[in-house]
Amino acid sequence: MVQEQDRTEEAVRGLRALILAGEQYRQVLSEHVGLGVTETQALSYLTVHGDQGQNELAAGLGLSSGASTGLVDRLERSGVAERYPHPHDRRRTLVRLTSRGHEVIRLSHQWLSAGFRSIDPVDHQVLAANLRSISEDLSTRTGEVAARGPASSDEPG
């Protein structure tokens, strides 16, 4: 039991280190390509989830629906994304990457894929599955906490 707990603690420390490195990566990438952090997060979100309505994009990033218009306006002004008519609902628009947005993603991919060079390619599939599982669990848990709102003073933080 203690050994299993130690392994879990080491894995959690590793995950924290990965998150910190990811936050630094996001800041440096954003500065490098001349975008804000939220804008590069939006590009990553669109890359992972495909074209989105602007409210879905904002919700996926933890932003209010009111902030969605400003975000998409900034993405369009930067030339990295564009709105286009929804194919089945003429009242809506979707947001997609432009060629410049894809260029930013290609650069980002180069930076991210460099981290896999020291890992045997045979292990990439298992690693990808584990990363997806951790990512999905974190997304689910943070969504649940966000839906409850701020913790009250009598709740653990």
Protein backbone atom coordinates (compact mmCIF):
# COMPACT_ATOMS: atom_id res chain seq x y z
CA MET A 1 0.00 0.00 0.00
CA VAL A 2 2.76 2.46 0.93
CA GLN A 3 4.70 1.61 -2.23
CA GLU A 4 1.57 2.15 -4.36
CA GLN A 5 0.94 5.48 -2.61
CA ASP A 6 4.58 6.52 -3.25
CA ARG A 7 4.19 5.64 -6.94
CA THR A 8 0.99 7.67 -7.17
CA GLU A 9 2.65 10.64 -5.43
CA GLU A 10 5.57 10.46 -7.86
CA ALA A 11 3.14 10.33 -10.80
CA VAL A 12 1.25 13.35 -9.43
CA ARG A 13 4.55 15.28 -9.05
CA GLY A 14 5.39 14.34 -12.63
CA LEU A 15 1.98 15.56 -13.79
CA ARG A 16 2.43 18.84 -11.90
CA ALA A 17 5.85 19.27 -13.56
CA LEU A 18 4.26 18.59 -16.97
CA ILE A 19 1.51 21.14 -16.33
CA LEU A 20 4.05 23.76 -15.24
CA ALA A 21 6.18 23.07 -18.33
CA GLY A 22 3.02 23.29 -20.46
CA GLU A 23 2.11 26.65 -18.95
CA GLN A 24 5.59 27.97 -19.67
CA TYR A 25 5.46 26.52 -23.19
CA ARG A 26 2.12 28.27 -23.78
CA GLN A 27 3.51 31.64 -22.63
CA VAL A 28 6.67 31.37 -24.73
CA LEU A 29 4.80 30.11 -27.81
CA SER A 30 2.29 32.93 -27.48
CA GLU A 31 5.03 35.56 -27.32
CA HIS A 32 6.93 33.89 -30.17
CA VAL A 33 3.97 33.97 -32.56
CA GLY A 34 2.60 37.31 -31.37
CA LEU A 35 -0.64 36.06 -29.85
CA GLY A 36 -2.13 36.10 -26.38
CA VAL A 37 -2.19 32.99 -24.23
CA THR A 38 -5.98 32.67 -24.58
CA GLU A 39 -5.68 32.89 -28.37
CA THR A 40 -3.12 30.05 -28.51
CA GLN A 41 -5.33 28.04 -26.17
CA ALA A 42 -8.19 28.58 -28.62
CA LEU A 43 -6.03 27.36 -31.51
CA SER A 44 -5.16 24.22 -29.56
CA TYR A 45 -8.82 23.70 -28.66
CA LEU A 46 -9.86 23.98 -32.31
CA THR A 47 -7.08 21.58 -33.29
CA VAL A 48 -8.21 18.97 -30.76
CA HIS A 49 -12.00 19.41 -31.09
CA GLY A 50 -12.43 20.66 -34.66
CA ASP A 51 -14.49 23.62 -35.82
CA GLN A 52 -16.68 25.04 -33.05
CA GLY A 53 -19.38 27.60 -32.47
CA GLN A 54 -17.95 30.60 -30.66
CA ASN A 55 -19.93 29.91 -27.47
CA GLU A 56 -18.79 26.27 -27.46
CA LEU A 57 -15.21 27.42 -27.97
CA ALA A 58 -15.48 29.88 -25.08
CA ALA A 59 -17.12 27.29 -22.82
CA GLY A 60 -14.39 24.78 -23.66
CA LEU A 61 -11.81 27.33 -22.58
CA GLY A 62 -13.69 28.24 -19.40
CA LEU A 63 -14.70 31.68 -20.69
CA SER A 64 -18.10 33.34 -20.46
CA SER A 65 -20.28 33.48 -23.55
CA GLY A 66 -19.84 37.25 -23.43
CA ALA A 67 -16.09 36.83 -23.80
CA SER A 68 -16.53 34.58 -26.85
CA THR A 69 -17.17 37.43 -29.29
CA GLY A 70 -14.06 39.30 -28.19
CA LEU A 71 -11.94 36.17 -28.40
CA VAL A 72 -13.10 35.27 -31.90
CA ASP A 73 -12.71 38.91 -33.00
CA ARG A 74 -9.07 38.80 -31.80
CA LEU A 75 -8.48 35.47 -33.56
CA GLU A 76 -9.83 36.92 -36.81
CA ARG A 77 -7.83 40.16 -36.50
CA SER A 78 -4.69 38.06 -35.96
CA GLY A 79 -5.52 36.03 -39.07
CA VAL A 80 -5.39 32.67 -37.28
CA ALA A 81 -9.09 31.79 -37.35
CA GLU A 82 -12.26 32.78 -39.13
CA ARG A 83 -16.00 32.56 -38.73
CA TYR A 84 -18.07 30.84 -41.39
CA PRO A 85 -21.78 30.01 -41.69
CA HIS A 86 -22.99 26.89 -39.90
CA PRO A 87 -23.97 24.36 -42.61
CA HIS A 88 -27.33 23.48 -41.00
CA ASP A 89 -28.29 26.50 -38.89
CA ARG A 90 -28.17 29.83 -40.69
CA ARG A 91 -28.44 31.71 -37.37
CA ARG A 92 -25.07 30.37 -36.22
CA THR A 93 -21.47 30.59 -37.29
CA LEU A 94 -18.59 28.22 -36.66
CA VAL A 95 -14.94 29.06 -36.06
CA ARG A 96 -12.09 27.33 -37.89
CA LEU A 97 -8.36 27.75 -38.28
CA THR A 98 -6.98 29.69 -41.24
CA SER A 99 -3.76 28.81 -43.02
CA ARG A 100 -1.87 31.07 -40.56
CA GLY A 101 -3.58 29.27 -37.68
CA HIS A 102 -2.41 25.96 -39.13
CA GLU A 103 1.13 27.38 -39.39
CA VAL A 104 1.06 28.22 -35.66
CA ILE A 105 -0.18 24.68 -34.93
CA ARG A 106 2.63 23.19 -37.07
CA LEU A 107 5.20 25.15 -35.07
CA SER A 108 3.53 24.09 -31.84
CA HIS A 109 3.55 20.46 -33.04
CA GLN A 110 7.29 20.64 -33.69
CA TRP A 111 7.92 21.94 -30.17
CA LEU A 112 5.63 19.37 -28.55
CA SER A 113 6.81 16.38 -30.58
CA ALA A 114 10.41 17.10 -29.58
CA GLY A 115 9.48 15.92 -26.09
CA PHE A 116 8.86 12.42 -27.43
CA ARG A 117 12.33 11.92 -28.91
CA SER A 118 13.64 10.33 -25.72
CA ILE A 119 10.74 7.87 -25.56
CA ASP A 120 10.80 4.66 -27.55
CA PRO A 121 8.26 5.02 -30.39
CA VAL A 122 6.84 1.62 -29.41
CA ASP A 123 5.64 3.27 -26.18
CA HIS A 124 3.97 6.27 -27.85
CA GLN A 125 0.57 4.61 -28.28
CA VAL A 126 0.33 3.60 -24.60
CA LEU A 127 1.60 7.02 -23.52
CA ALA A 128 -0.98 8.75 -25.75
CA ALA A 129 -3.78 6.64 -24.27
CA ASN A 130 -2.65 7.43 -20.72
CA LEU A 131 -2.33 11.15 -21.47
CA ARG A 132 -5.84 11.18 -22.99
CA SER A 133 -7.24 9.37 -19.97
CA ILE A 134 -5.61 11.80 -17.52
CA SER A 135 -6.72 14.75 -19.65
CA GLU A 136 -10.32 13.55 -19.81
CA ASP A 137 -10.43 12.91 -16.07
CA LEU A 138 -8.98 16.35 -15.28
CA SER A 139 -11.43 18.00 -17.67
CA THR A 140 -14.36 16.18 -16.11
CA ARG A 141 -13.30 17.02 -12.55
CA THR A 142 -12.57 20.69 -13.29
CA GLY A 143 -15.92 20.98 -15.10
CA GLU A 144 -17.72 19.59 -12.06
CA VAL A 145 -15.91 21.95 -9.69
CA ALA A 146 -16.52 24.95 -11.97
CA ALA A 147 -20.23 24.10 -12.16
CA ARG A 148 -20.47 24.15 -8.35
CA GLY A 149 -18.93 27.63 -8.20
CA PRO A 150 -16.47 28.93 -5.64
CA ALA A 151 -15.87 26.85 -2.52
CA SER A 152 -17.56 28.11 0.60
CA SER A 153 -15.46 28.81 3.66
CA ASP A 154 -16.47 25.50 5.27
CA GLU A 155 -15.46 23.38 2.26
CA PRO A 156 -11.94 22.06 1.79
CA GLY A 157 -10.03 23.96 -0.94
